Amino acid sequence: MLERAVLTAFVATAHSERSKDFYERVLGLKLVSDEEFAIVFDCGGTQLRIQKVEQLAAQPFTALGWQVDDIRAAMQELGKRGVEFEW
């Protein structure tokens, strides 16, 4: 039933302006809209909705991931944009 349906991804933030800047400027995603309840980005044809919430607890698992052709090159580019990687 859903195998052909378009997927929308959801994550949340308690800091909408910082998140908007990060996803747009650092990750380079196209901002679609900044709505009352969510910031919406286009991520390679998938809609990413970053829900605006009052409080957010850090989770011990990955929420989003991207498949890239060259992980080292992607990490270098993101590092130049201020992303810090943890091991």
Foldseek 3Di string as FASTA:
>chain_A
DCPPPAAAAEAEDQDVVVVVCCCCVLVPWAFDDDDPFWTWTQDPNYIYTYGHDNDDDDDPDDRDDDDDPDPVVVVVSSVVSPDDDDD
